[in-house]
Each structure stands twice: as C-alpha cells, then as structure tokens.
Amino acid sequence: MWGDESVTYQLAHRDLSQIWLTAQQIDLVHALYYAVMHEIFHLFGGGLLTLRLPSVLAMSVAATGVGLLGLRLAGPRAGLLAGLVFPLLPQVQKYAQEGRSYAMVCALVTWATYALVVSVPHRARWWRWALYGSTMLLACLLHEFAVLALVAHGVTLVVSRVPRPVLRAWSVTAAGVVAGLLPLAIRSAGQSGQVSWIGGPVRLRYFLVVAVMGVACARAPLGVRGPVRLSALAVPILALPGLLLLIVSLVKPLFVDRYVLYSNIGIALLLGAWMDYFHRRQRSSRTAWIAAVAVLAALVPPSLSLRTPQSRSNDVTAVGAAVRKEGRPGDGLLYLSGQYRAFTAASPEDTRFLTDLALAQDAVSSNTLAGVELPAQDIAARMLAFDRIVVVRGPAGAQSPTTPQEEAKTSTLRRYFREYGTTHVNGARVTVYVQGHDPSPKAGAGSDGPGASGGMAVSRGRLSMSARAGRAGGVPAVTSSSPRWVPPAEAVSA
C-alpha cells in the first residue's frame, strides 16, 4: 500500500459526515470517491482486497467499452484487439491495481465516449444525450480533470463534420456537465495548495511516447466509414487532455499522468485498428504473429516492474513494519514532518505501543489526514522526557515545512539526541534517536551545555523530573513549568 491508497483506506473507514467535514479542509476533489468506497467497505469489509478490487473491475469495464468502440468504428477484429491491448498498457496495469479513483474515471469516460458515438446518428433522441451527459458528469465529480475529455469529444465532432443539430445537442449537454461541475471546481480551488508538490510534469515521457505512437498509427487508413471515424475519435482523446494540462502547467504545474489516465482509450483504439490493418495487408499470417509476440515481449519487463513496491513513490506498509521492528514499548514516536503521520495511520497496530510526542488531536476527531500537533515548546518538552525516540521522516533530500513545530523537532533532536540507527524504506526513513551526545571536539571553549548556542532555554534536570513522572500514564506531562522553545538563528535539519 502506498501513501495515496492509505488516505483512501483511512477516509473510507470514517462515516459519511466525517468524510464531508474532512473534505472541507482537504481532498474535496476526491470526496465522492471516498463516499463510494465507504459504502463498498460497509458492504464487503474494509480489507486490502476490497480497497483495490473496485479499480480492477472498473478497468475491466473500461476494456469492454474500448472493445465495443473498436467494434463500432473499425470492425470485429479491431475491436477485439483494442479491447485486449488496453489492459496490457503499462499505465492501465498500474492504476488497475490501485485503490484510487482513476480507474473508475477511466471507465466512465470510456462509456461516455461510447454513448457519444452511439448518439451521433440519433440526434433527436434526447435520452441518449442525457445518458452521455450524466456519465460524463459523474466522471468529472470523481475527478475534475475528466472535463478535459469533454473538449476532446467536441473536437471529434467538429473534425467529423457532424450535422448542426448533433453539434447543438452536444453543446447543450456539455454546458450541463460544466454547470454541474462548477460548484465543486469553485469550492476545491481553495485547496489548490494540495498540488503544490508538483514541481514539473510527472511521468511526461509515457504520455509523449504513446502520443507519438498514436499519431503514427493514425496515418494508416484505419476504421470503417461512418459519421465518426476511429482516428477522429482516438487522436483527440489521446493527445488533447494531456496537451491542455501541459499548457496550464506553464502557469501552474499540474501535469501528472494519472490525471489523464483515460487518454489510454485513444492509444488502445489506434493500436487495435492498426494491428487489424497490418494483418489485412500481410499475405502471410506468420509476420503478423511475430509482430504480436514482439509487442507482448516488450510489455513483459514494465508489467513485472509494476508489481513491485518500488513501482510506487513510497510504501507505507514497509514504513509501518520498520517502526514496529525498531520501536520498543514506551518509546516516543515523532514525524518529520507531521504529514508522514498518515503513512502509519492505516495500520495503527504498528505504532500502538509508542507515544506520539507531537500529537494534540488525532486525525479522525480533527477531521484531517494527519491530526493537529502541539505547540513547538510542548513538543520539545515531551521529546526530552524520553530516552529513545523513533522518527519517521522523508527520504534523503526531502524538504520539510519550516513551521515552528518542525524546527522544534529538528533542533531538539540535534542538540539533545544522537542517531542510533536508520532503516531506509521506499519513500521514507525510520531513524532511532537516543538521548545524550558524545563529546564534540568542535564545541567552543565557552560552551557549557547543549543549549549554550541558543535555540532552547531549558533546564533538563528540572524538566525530566516533572515530565518523566507523568509518563507512568503513557503520556508525558507538560506543565506550565515546561521550558519555552525558541527557534535557533540557523535552519537545522535532522
């Protein structure tokens, strides 16, 4: 399980009112998905299988839709091949086994696209357009960037030169979808800081490779004649959503490959139709079989890689296991920064025997993802009441927020603790710190203690007597006599 899945797991276990209150602070764009997963957990249990199975089923539904699109636009063999190619695509395989909304969005966009193709010859049948619009709206409510598929659909109709009544019906339907999405878009704009981690395009190479492949395939005479040709549908859905997201990223970085996962519909259709065309052009079926085997062989390495923990940016299961292994009953637990608390929240048994030194209010009762932390001076006081602290922090080079709480943690660790050992896991480090520094030859002659350089005004002896006395109840006491923490002049990092 990785970080985003852990968030799904935690929020889906909360009741609907708690999901709604949490969404007012963070992850509003995923609120509907969390509500859906909450009901699924309620019906089938909240295990890891239940977390991921909806995505597997959604991708199966999407593959069926891709096959039917290929059948309608290019014939039976092209449809079969497109439906078989789709689940083999590396990006599709990756998100088919992940407990997030992207597979559901992909399935809904696929079937909305099919509804669009079916609606074109039946321009007067309003219920077909209503079905298309409601499916697209549901996809957009699960993830706002599904609205970019709406733009691709519009381009498809314009390029296909459909009759004006069809274009008018689509325009009215599209306006209804945008109107339905607008309240969510406005409210979620206030949480745009959630995507501040995107420094530049994330996994852009895959998008560029499949886009080039798709355009190359589209040069062949693919598909059968009809009001909408296969290339006119597949190329826009493949290229336009990603290109629009890249253009927006010139102002604010937003491009992440999974946000436009549904663009794989286009490449699957183009590859399926191209293989059908290639098979028809070849006099010998041997060449076609050799080509098919070569393509499948090329997909084996990435397919195997996607089934390893290293294919994700972090591994919260490994983090929890490392904490459980390194921690001892009665040890303190610290997160640098507090956001890493979400890494262990999905498996509370991994940290139950430790004391969270910075936590003032847990994530559930505070309607947050990582809880609310104590003031800086109280965190420092609680840290000094423990001889041994297990610290969960980011990988080497990761930037931590420069809040007073984080500065208090790092400064106290540096001045009063020494590193005992570190376990490196995917996306994080688990380090054990113990109290007491070895004598430092670099200490100045006028230095008479760890706090002499400033940053912590504290009497350790006076603190230890009061704070350790409170530890019998499992939580160190923090009294009015606890020392005040003052940020040091220089930035420190543990």
Protein backbone atom coordinates (compact mmCIF):
# COMPACT_ATOMS: atom_id res chain seq x y z
CA MET A 1 0.00 0.00 0.00
CA TRP A 2 1.34 3.44 -0.86
CA GLY A 3 0.52 6.88 0.52
CA ASP A 4 -2.49 7.81 -1.61
CA GLU A 5 -4.04 4.38 -1.10
CA SER A 6 -3.50 4.80 2.63
CA VAL A 7 -5.54 8.01 2.51
CA THR A 8 -8.36 6.19 0.69
CA TYR A 9 -8.23 3.40 3.26
CA GLN A 10 -8.40 5.78 6.21
CA LEU A 11 -11.14 8.07 4.92
CA ALA A 12 -13.33 5.23 3.63
CA HIS A 13 -13.37 3.85 7.19
CA ARG A 14 -14.82 7.12 8.51
CA ASP A 15 -18.55 7.76 8.42
CA LEU A 16 -20.09 9.96 5.74
CA SER A 17 -20.36 13.03 7.97
CA GLN A 18 -16.67 12.77 8.87
CA ILE A 19 -15.75 12.38 5.19
CA TRP A 20 -17.71 15.53 4.39
CA LEU A 21 -16.11 17.53 7.22
CA THR A 22 -12.63 16.36 6.24
CA ALA A 23 -13.28 17.27 2.61
CA GLN A 24 -13.97 20.85 3.66
CA GLN A 25 -10.31 21.08 4.66
CA ILE A 26 -8.55 18.76 2.21
CA ASP A 27 -9.21 16.40 -0.72
CA LEU A 28 -12.60 17.83 -1.66
CA VAL A 29 -11.96 16.72 -5.25
CA HIS A 30 -11.98 13.09 -4.06
CA ALA A 31 -14.93 13.36 -1.64
CA LEU A 32 -17.36 11.45 -3.87
CA TYR A 33 -14.85 8.64 -4.36
CA TYR A 34 -14.30 8.34 -0.60
CA ALA A 35 -18.07 8.19 -0.08
CA VAL A 36 -18.37 5.42 -2.69
CA MET A 37 -15.53 3.46 -1.09
CA HIS A 38 -17.12 3.95 2.35
CA GLU A 39 -20.26 2.20 1.13
CA ILE A 40 -18.23 -0.57 -0.53
CA PHE A 41 -16.29 -1.11 2.71
CA HIS A 42 -19.59 -1.22 4.60
CA LEU A 43 -20.93 -3.95 2.30
CA PHE A 44 -17.85 -6.08 1.73
CA GLY A 45 -15.44 -5.31 4.57
CA GLY A 46 -12.55 -2.88 4.71
CA GLY A 47 -9.59 -5.03 3.72
CA LEU A 48 -6.89 -4.51 1.12
CA LEU A 49 -8.75 -6.67 -1.42
CA THR A 50 -11.87 -4.52 -1.08
CA LEU A 51 -9.72 -1.40 -1.44
CA ARG A 52 -8.32 -2.45 -4.82
CA LEU A 53 -10.98 -4.69 -6.35
CA PRO A 54 -13.21 -1.77 -7.49
CA SER A 55 -10.31 -0.46 -9.58
CA VAL A 56 -9.73 -3.89 -11.13
CA LEU A 57 -13.40 -4.20 -12.01
CA ALA A 58 -13.51 -0.63 -13.33
CA MET A 59 -10.62 -1.29 -15.69
CA SER A 60 -12.35 -4.47 -16.87
CA VAL A 61 -15.45 -2.41 -17.63
CA ALA A 62 -13.27 0.14 -19.43
CA ALA A 63 -11.63 -2.59 -21.53
CA THR A 64 -15.08 -3.82 -22.54
CA GLY A 65 -16.04 -0.30 -23.59
CA VAL A 66 -12.84 0.09 -25.61
CA GLY A 67 -13.58 -3.19 -27.38
CA LEU A 68 -17.10 -2.07 -28.26
CA LEU A 69 -15.80 1.27 -29.53
CA GLY A 70 -13.32 -0.55 -31.76
CA LEU A 71 -16.07 -2.88 -32.98
CA ARG A 72 -18.33 0.02 -33.91
CA LEU A 73 -15.63 2.15 -35.53
CA ALA A 74 -13.33 -0.41 -37.17
CA GLY A 75 -14.92 -3.85 -37.16
CA PRO A 76 -14.88 -7.01 -35.01
CA ARG A 77 -11.18 -7.86 -35.21
CA ALA A 78 -10.06 -4.30 -34.49
CA GLY A 79 -12.47 -4.14 -31.56
CA LEU A 80 -11.19 -7.40 -30.12
CA LEU A 81 -7.57 -6.32 -30.49
CA ALA A 82 -8.23 -2.89 -28.96
CA GLY A 83 -10.01 -4.49 -26.01
CA LEU A 84 -7.07 -6.85 -25.49
CA VAL A 85 -4.40 -4.15 -25.88
CA PHE A 86 -6.00 -1.77 -23.38
CA PRO A 87 -5.39 -3.82 -20.18
CA LEU A 88 -1.84 -4.57 -21.32
CA LEU A 89 -0.82 -0.91 -21.40
CA PRO A 90 1.62 -0.22 -18.51
CA GLN A 91 -0.26 2.78 -17.19
CA VAL A 92 -3.56 0.90 -17.22
CA GLN A 93 -1.99 -2.03 -15.37
CA LYS A 94 -0.58 0.31 -12.76
CA TYR A 95 -3.82 2.04 -11.84
CA ALA A 96 -5.95 -1.10 -12.19
CA GLN A 97 -4.27 -2.37 -9.00
CA GLU A 98 -4.51 0.85 -7.01
CA GLY A 99 -7.19 1.97 -4.57
CA ARG A 100 -7.80 5.40 -6.08
CA SER A 101 -10.46 6.97 -8.30
CA TYR A 102 -8.56 7.00 -11.60
CA ALA A 103 -9.71 3.57 -12.84
CA MET A 104 -13.35 4.49 -12.18
CA VAL A 105 -12.91 7.78 -14.02
CA CYS A 106 -11.34 5.96 -16.95
CA ALA A 107 -14.26 3.51 -17.12
CA LEU A 108 -16.84 6.31 -17.02
CA VAL A 109 -15.07 8.34 -19.72
CA THR A 110 -14.85 5.21 -21.88
CA TRP A 111 -18.57 4.56 -21.69
CA ALA A 112 -19.41 8.24 -22.07
CA THR A 113 -17.36 8.16 -25.28
CA TYR A 114 -19.29 5.11 -26.44
CA ALA A 115 -22.57 6.86 -25.61
CA LEU A 116 -21.40 9.84 -27.68
CA VAL A 117 -20.60 7.68 -30.71
CA VAL A 118 -23.97 5.95 -30.44
CA SER A 119 -25.81 9.28 -30.03
CA VAL A 120 -24.46 10.89 -33.19
CA PRO A 121 -26.76 9.02 -35.61
CA HIS A 122 -29.72 9.57 -33.24
CA ARG A 123 -29.60 13.33 -32.83
CA ALA A 124 -33.28 13.64 -31.91
CA ARG A 125 -33.26 11.10 -29.08
CA TRP A 126 -32.68 13.26 -26.02
CA TRP A 127 -32.32 10.35 -23.62
CA ARG A 128 -29.14 9.21 -25.36
CA TRP A 129 -27.61 12.63 -24.84
CA ALA A 130 -28.85 12.62 -21.24
CA LEU A 131 -27.07 9.30 -20.70
CA TYR A 132 -23.89 10.71 -22.21
CA GLY A 133 -24.07 13.86 -20.10
CA SER A 134 -24.81 12.09 -16.81
CA THR A 135 -21.94 9.64 -17.34
CA MET A 136 -19.52 12.46 -18.11
CA LEU A 137 -20.71 14.47 -15.11
CA LEU A 138 -20.19 11.52 -12.79
CA ALA A 139 -16.66 11.10 -14.15
CA CYS A 140 -15.96 14.80 -13.56
CA LEU A 141 -17.29 14.66 -10.00
CA LEU A 142 -14.95 11.76 -9.29
CA HIS A 143 -12.04 13.77 -10.71
CA GLU A 144 -12.33 17.27 -12.14
CA PHE A 145 -9.81 16.77 -14.93
CA ALA A 146 -12.18 14.35 -16.64
CA VAL A 147 -13.72 17.53 -18.05
CA LEU A 148 -10.78 17.67 -20.48
CA ALA A 149 -12.26 14.62 -22.22
CA LEU A 150 -15.28 16.80 -22.96
CA VAL A 151 -13.03 19.08 -25.01
CA ALA A 152 -11.68 16.08 -26.93
CA HIS A 153 -15.23 14.96 -27.69
CA GLY A 154 -16.09 18.38 -29.05
CA VAL A 155 -13.05 18.37 -31.34
CA THR A 156 -14.04 14.90 -32.57
CA LEU A 157 -17.49 16.13 -33.57
CA VAL A 158 -16.11 19.22 -35.30
CA VAL A 159 -13.49 17.23 -37.23
CA SER A 160 -16.13 14.65 -38.18
CA ARG A 161 -18.36 17.43 -39.55
CA VAL A 162 -21.48 16.09 -37.91
CA PRO A 163 -24.80 17.83 -38.69
CA ARG A 164 -25.56 21.06 -36.84
CA PRO A 165 -28.36 19.53 -34.74
CA VAL A 166 -25.88 16.97 -33.39
CA LEU A 167 -23.35 19.67 -32.57
CA ARG A 168 -26.08 21.71 -30.91
CA ALA A 169 -27.24 18.75 -28.82
CA TRP A 170 -23.66 18.07 -27.72
CA SER A 171 -23.12 21.74 -26.83
CA VAL A 172 -26.20 21.81 -24.60
CA THR A 173 -25.14 18.56 -22.94
CA ALA A 174 -21.57 19.77 -22.42
CA ALA A 175 -22.85 23.02 -20.90
CA GLY A 176 -24.92 20.98 -18.46
CA VAL A 177 -21.87 18.93 -17.46
CA VAL A 178 -19.78 22.06 -16.87
CA ALA A 179 -22.60 23.67 -14.87
CA GLY A 180 -22.87 20.57 -12.70
CA LEU A 181 -19.12 20.54 -12.10
CA LEU A 182 -18.78 24.27 -11.43
CA PRO A 183 -19.72 24.27 -7.70
CA LEU A 184 -17.11 21.60 -6.96
CA ALA A 185 -14.49 23.40 -9.04
CA ILE A 186 -15.09 26.68 -7.21
CA ARG A 187 -15.01 25.12 -3.75
CA SER A 188 -11.96 22.98 -4.46
CA ALA A 189 -10.00 25.93 -5.85
CA GLY A 190 -9.41 26.97 -2.25
CA GLN A 191 -7.48 23.73 -1.71
CA SER A 192 -5.11 24.22 -4.64
CA GLY A 193 -2.18 24.07 -2.22
CA GLN A 194 -2.63 20.28 -2.20
CA VAL A 195 -0.93 20.07 -5.61
CA SER A 196 1.97 22.33 -4.64
CA TRP A 197 4.17 19.21 -4.61
CA ILE A 198 4.02 19.13 -8.43
CA GLY A 199 7.23 20.88 -9.42
CA GLY A 200 7.03 19.90 -13.09
CA PRO A 201 5.40 17.35 -15.38
CA VAL A 202 5.21 13.97 -13.61
CA ARG A 203 5.92 10.95 -15.85
CA LEU A 204 5.65 13.01 -19.02
CA ARG A 205 7.71 10.53 -21.06
CA TYR A 206 4.95 7.91 -21.19
CA PHE A 207 2.44 10.45 -22.48
CA LEU A 208 4.81 11.69 -25.17
CA VAL A 209 5.70 8.17 -26.32
CA VAL A 210 2.11 6.97 -26.65
CA ALA A 211 1.05 10.24 -28.29
CA VAL A 212 3.73 9.86 -30.97
CA MET A 213 2.81 6.19 -31.44
CA GLY A 214 -0.85 7.07 -31.76
CA VAL A 215 -0.29 9.80 -34.35
CA ALA A 216 1.92 7.40 -36.34
CA CYS A 217 -0.80 4.73 -36.29
CA ALA A 218 -3.43 7.27 -37.34
CA ARG A 219 -1.60 7.87 -40.63
CA ALA A 220 -2.82 4.48 -41.86
CA PRO A 221 -6.38 4.16 -43.28
CA LEU A 222 -8.00 2.85 -40.12
CA GLY A 223 -11.59 2.02 -39.39
CA VAL A 224 -14.77 1.83 -41.41
CA ARG A 225 -16.82 4.62 -42.88
CA GLY A 226 -19.36 6.25 -40.61
CA PRO A 227 -20.38 9.55 -39.05
CA VAL A 228 -17.35 9.35 -36.69
CA ARG A 229 -14.09 7.83 -37.90
CA LEU A 230 -11.81 5.99 -35.49
CA SER A 231 -8.82 8.31 -35.90
CA ALA A 232 -11.05 11.38 -35.46
CA LEU A 233 -12.13 9.99 -32.09
CA ALA A 234 -8.93 8.34 -30.87
CA VAL A 235 -6.34 11.05 -31.60
CA PRO A 236 -8.15 13.86 -29.69
CA ILE A 237 -8.87 11.70 -26.64
CA LEU A 238 -5.25 10.53 -26.67
CA ALA A 239 -3.50 13.86 -27.12
CA LEU A 240 -5.74 16.80 -26.19
CA PRO A 241 -6.31 16.27 -22.43
CA GLY A 242 -2.57 15.89 -21.79
CA LEU A 243 -1.67 18.82 -24.04
CA LEU A 244 -4.21 21.08 -22.32
CA LEU A 245 -2.84 20.07 -18.93
CA LEU A 246 0.70 20.83 -20.13
CA ILE A 247 -0.40 24.26 -21.34
CA VAL A 248 -2.00 25.01 -17.97
CA SER A 249 1.22 23.82 -16.32
CA LEU A 250 3.06 26.75 -17.89
CA VAL A 251 1.20 28.88 -15.34
CA LYS A 252 0.80 26.37 -12.50
CA PRO A 253 2.36 22.88 -12.64
CA LEU A 254 -0.49 20.36 -12.80
CA PHE A 255 0.56 17.62 -15.20
CA VAL A 256 0.50 14.17 -13.62
CA ASP A 257 -0.01 11.19 -15.90
CA ARG A 258 -2.80 9.63 -13.85
CA TYR A 259 -4.92 12.78 -14.12
CA VAL A 260 -5.47 11.94 -17.81
CA LEU A 261 -5.36 8.15 -17.49
CA TYR A 262 -8.36 7.90 -19.82
CA SER A 263 -6.16 9.04 -22.72
CA ASN A 264 -5.13 5.37 -22.97
CA ILE A 265 -8.50 4.79 -24.63
CA GLY A 266 -7.12 6.51 -27.70
CA ILE A 267 -3.87 4.58 -27.99
CA ALA A 268 -5.66 1.25 -27.45
CA LEU A 269 -8.12 2.02 -30.26
CA LEU A 270 -5.34 3.12 -32.61
CA LEU A 271 -3.14 0.12 -31.88
CA GLY A 272 -6.04 -2.30 -32.25
CA ALA A 273 -7.10 -0.80 -35.57
CA TRP A 274 -3.51 -0.62 -36.82
CA MET A 275 -2.90 -4.30 -35.99
CA ASP A 276 -6.08 -5.17 -37.85
CA TYR A 277 -4.89 -3.11 -40.82
CA PHE A 278 -1.43 -4.71 -40.66
CA HIS A 279 -2.96 -8.20 -40.57
CA ARG A 280 -5.09 -7.47 -43.62
CA ARG A 281 -2.10 -6.13 -45.55
CA GLN A 282 0.14 -9.11 -44.84
CA ARG A 283 -0.21 -12.11 -47.12
CA SER A 284 1.39 -14.36 -44.53
CA SER A 285 -0.04 -14.54 -41.03
CA ARG A 286 3.41 -15.52 -39.72
CA THR A 287 4.64 -11.93 -39.92
CA ALA A 288 1.60 -10.71 -38.01
CA TRP A 289 2.14 -13.29 -35.28
CA ILE A 290 5.82 -12.40 -34.98
CA ALA A 291 4.90 -8.73 -34.61
CA ALA A 292 2.29 -9.54 -31.96
CA VAL A 293 4.73 -11.67 -29.96
CA ALA A 294 7.37 -8.92 -30.16
CA VAL A 295 4.91 -6.36 -28.79
CA LEU A 296 3.90 -8.68 -25.94
CA ALA A 297 7.54 -9.41 -25.12
CA ALA A 298 8.26 -5.68 -24.93
CA LEU A 299 5.46 -5.28 -22.37
CA VAL A 300 6.75 -8.01 -20.03
CA PRO A 301 9.51 -6.00 -18.23
CA PRO A 302 7.32 -2.99 -17.35
CA SER A 303 4.47 -5.32 -16.36
CA LEU A 304 6.71 -7.17 -13.92
CA SER A 305 8.15 -3.92 -12.58
CA LEU A 306 4.67 -2.54 -11.87
CA ARG A 307 4.04 -5.42 -9.50
CA THR A 308 6.87 -4.48 -7.14
CA PRO A 309 6.74 -1.98 -4.24
CA GLN A 310 9.45 0.07 -5.99
CA SER A 311 6.96 0.99 -8.72
CA ARG A 312 5.33 3.42 -6.26
CA SER A 313 6.82 6.58 -4.80
CA ASN A 314 6.52 5.21 -1.26
CA ASP A 315 5.49 2.10 0.67
CA VAL A 316 3.54 2.78 3.85
CA THR A 317 3.39 -0.93 4.68
CA ALA A 318 7.19 -1.02 4.80
CA VAL A 319 7.24 2.16 6.92
CA GLY A 320 4.89 0.60 9.46
CA ALA A 321 6.92 -2.60 9.53
CA ALA A 322 10.13 -0.64 10.14
CA VAL A 323 8.55 1.30 13.01
CA ARG A 324 7.28 -1.92 14.57
CA LYS A 325 10.72 -3.51 14.24
CA GLU A 326 12.78 -0.59 15.57
CA GLY A 327 10.42 0.64 18.26
CA ARG A 328 10.26 -0.64 21.83
CA PRO A 329 7.29 -0.36 24.20
CA GLY A 330 7.42 3.05 25.83
CA ASP A 331 9.50 4.74 23.12
CA GLY A 332 8.50 8.10 21.74
CA LEU A 333 7.33 8.49 18.15
CA LEU A 334 7.98 11.58 16.05
CA TYR A 335 7.10 12.52 12.49
CA LEU A 336 9.27 14.89 10.42
CA SER A 337 7.08 16.39 9.13
CA GLY A 338 3.66 15.78 10.63
CA GLN A 339 2.25 14.82 7.22
CA TYR A 340 4.10 11.50 7.49
CA ARG A 341 1.71 10.52 10.28
CA ALA A 342 -0.67 9.46 7.50
CA PHE A 343 1.91 6.83 6.49
CA THR A 344 1.27 4.78 9.63
CA ALA A 345 -2.36 5.68 10.29
CA ALA A 346 -3.69 2.85 8.11
CA SER A 347 -2.07 0.27 10.44
CA PRO A 348 -2.39 1.67 13.99
CA GLU A 349 -1.17 -1.61 15.48
CA ASP A 350 2.32 -0.74 14.20
CA THR A 351 2.53 2.30 16.50
CA ARG A 352 0.14 1.47 19.33
CA PHE A 353 2.98 0.71 21.79
CA LEU A 354 4.67 4.08 21.11
CA THR A 355 3.79 7.59 22.28
CA ASP A 356 3.19 10.17 19.56
CA LEU A 357 5.12 13.10 21.00
CA ALA A 358 3.71 15.89 18.82
CA LEU A 359 0.05 14.89 18.53
CA ALA A 360 -2.53 17.11 20.17
CA GLN A 361 -5.64 15.80 18.37
CA ASP A 362 -5.89 12.70 16.21
CA ALA A 363 -6.81 12.75 12.53
CA VAL A 364 -10.34 11.39 12.91
CA SER A 365 -11.53 13.75 15.65
CA SER A 366 -9.88 16.75 13.97
CA ASN A 367 -11.28 15.84 10.51
CA THR A 368 -7.81 15.97 8.96
CA LEU A 369 -5.41 13.49 7.37
CA ALA A 370 -2.53 13.86 9.83
CA GLY A 371 -4.06 15.27 13.01
CA VAL A 372 -3.28 18.51 14.85
CA GLU A 373 0.08 18.98 16.53
CA LEU A 374 1.04 20.60 19.83
CA PRO A 375 2.76 23.99 20.04
CA ALA A 376 6.50 23.94 19.45
CA GLN A 377 7.54 24.38 23.09
CA ASP A 378 5.33 21.50 24.23
CA ILE A 379 6.74 19.18 21.57
CA ALA A 380 10.28 19.94 22.76
CA ALA A 381 9.30 19.28 26.37
CA ARG A 382 7.76 15.93 25.57
CA MET A 383 10.75 14.88 23.48
CA LEU A 384 13.15 15.49 26.36
CA ALA A 385 11.06 13.25 28.60
CA PHE A 386 12.04 10.22 26.51
CA ASP A 387 15.40 8.49 26.28
CA ARG A 388 14.58 6.86 22.94
CA ILE A 389 12.57 8.24 20.01
CA VAL A 390 11.60 6.58 16.74
CA VAL A 391 11.50 9.20 13.98
CA VAL A 392 9.63 8.79 10.69
CA ARG A 393 10.88 11.21 8.06
CA GLY A 394 11.18 11.62 4.33
CA PRO A 395 13.93 10.19 2.14
CA ALA A 396 17.30 11.91 1.97
CA GLY A 397 16.95 15.29 0.31
CA ALA A 398 13.23 15.67 1.03
CA GLN A 399 12.19 19.17 2.06
CA SER A 400 10.28 19.65 5.32
CA PRO A 401 7.99 22.59 6.14
CA THR A 402 9.68 25.34 8.14
CA THR A 403 6.98 25.64 10.79
CA PRO A 404 7.81 26.28 14.45
CA GLN A 405 6.81 22.70 15.28
CA GLU A 406 9.18 21.22 12.70
CA GLU A 407 12.01 23.50 13.80
CA ALA A 408 11.41 22.45 17.41
CA LYS A 409 11.65 18.78 16.48
CA THR A 410 14.83 19.06 14.44
CA SER A 411 16.56 21.42 16.86
CA THR A 412 15.79 19.24 19.88
CA LEU A 413 16.99 16.12 18.11
CA ARG A 414 20.23 17.76 17.07
CA ARG A 415 21.02 19.29 20.46
CA TYR A 416 19.97 16.55 22.85
CA PHE A 417 19.88 13.28 20.91
CA ARG A 418 22.19 11.21 18.76
CA GLU A 419 21.28 8.97 15.88
CA TYR A 420 21.37 5.30 16.83
CA GLY A 421 20.40 3.72 13.51
CA THR A 422 18.35 4.26 10.35
CA THR A 423 16.19 1.92 8.29
CA HIS A 424 15.68 3.06 4.70
CA VAL A 425 12.40 2.10 3.04
CA ASN A 426 10.78 3.20 -0.19
CA GLY A 427 9.86 6.88 0.23
CA ALA A 428 10.87 7.29 3.88
CA ARG A 429 13.45 6.73 6.61
CA VAL A 430 12.84 5.36 10.09
CA THR A 431 15.55 6.54 12.49
CA VAL A 432 16.06 5.73 16.16
CA TYR A 433 17.43 8.57 18.30
CA VAL A 434 18.72 8.17 21.86
CA GLN A 435 19.38 10.92 24.38
CA GLY A 436 22.92 12.08 25.01
CA HIS A 437 25.68 13.37 22.70
CA ASP A 438 29.19 12.10 22.52
CA PRO A 439 31.62 14.89 23.43
CA SER A 440 32.13 17.05 20.37
CA PRO A 441 35.66 18.26 19.65
CA LYS A 442 34.14 21.15 17.72
CA ALA A 443 32.37 22.58 20.77
CA GLY A 444 33.56 26.03 21.67
CA ALA A 445 35.54 26.60 24.86
CA GLY A 446 32.79 28.74 26.27
CA SER A 447 30.12 26.13 25.65
CA ASP A 448 28.84 24.69 28.91
CA GLY A 449 25.96 22.59 27.63
CA PRO A 450 23.92 21.54 24.63
CA GLY A 451 21.77 24.63 24.75
CA ALA A 452 24.55 27.15 25.07
CA SER A 453 24.38 28.17 21.44
CA GLY A 454 20.78 29.30 21.77
CA GLY A 455 17.54 27.94 20.41
CA MET A 456 16.49 26.10 23.60
CA ALA A 457 16.24 27.66 27.01
CA VAL A 458 15.74 24.64 29.23
CA SER A 459 16.83 23.06 32.47
CA ARG A 460 16.94 19.35 31.58
CA GLY A 461 17.10 18.16 35.16
CA ARG A 462 14.03 20.14 36.22
CA LEU A 463 12.16 19.03 33.12
CA SER A 464 12.97 15.35 33.44
CA MET A 465 11.60 15.08 37.00
CA SER A 466 8.20 16.54 36.12
CA ALA A 467 7.85 15.14 32.62
CA ARG A 468 9.03 11.61 33.43
CA ALA A 469 6.67 11.49 36.38
CA GLY A 470 3.77 11.88 34.01
CA ARG A 471 4.96 9.08 31.73
CA ALA A 472 3.57 6.42 34.01
CA GLY A 473 0.19 7.11 32.45
CA GLY A 474 1.59 6.66 28.95
CA VAL A 475 1.82 10.37 28.08
CA PRO A 476 4.47 12.71 29.48
CA ALA A 477 3.16 15.61 31.50
CA VAL A 478 3.56 19.07 30.02
CA THR A 479 3.10 21.65 32.74
CA SER A 480 3.38 25.40 32.98
CA SER A 481 6.95 24.92 34.19
CA SER A 482 7.90 23.25 30.91
CA PRO A 483 10.68 25.10 29.07
CA ARG A 484 9.88 27.52 26.30
CA TRP A 485 11.31 26.70 22.89
CA VAL A 486 12.90 29.48 20.88
CA PRO A 487 13.77 28.88 17.20
CA PRO A 488 17.53 28.96 16.66
CA ALA A 489 19.04 31.53 14.38
CA GLU A 490 20.12 28.98 11.79
CA ALA A 491 17.95 26.45 9.98
CA VAL A 492 18.61 22.94 11.21
CA SER A 493 17.76 19.60 9.71
CA ALA A 494 17.73 16.24 11.40
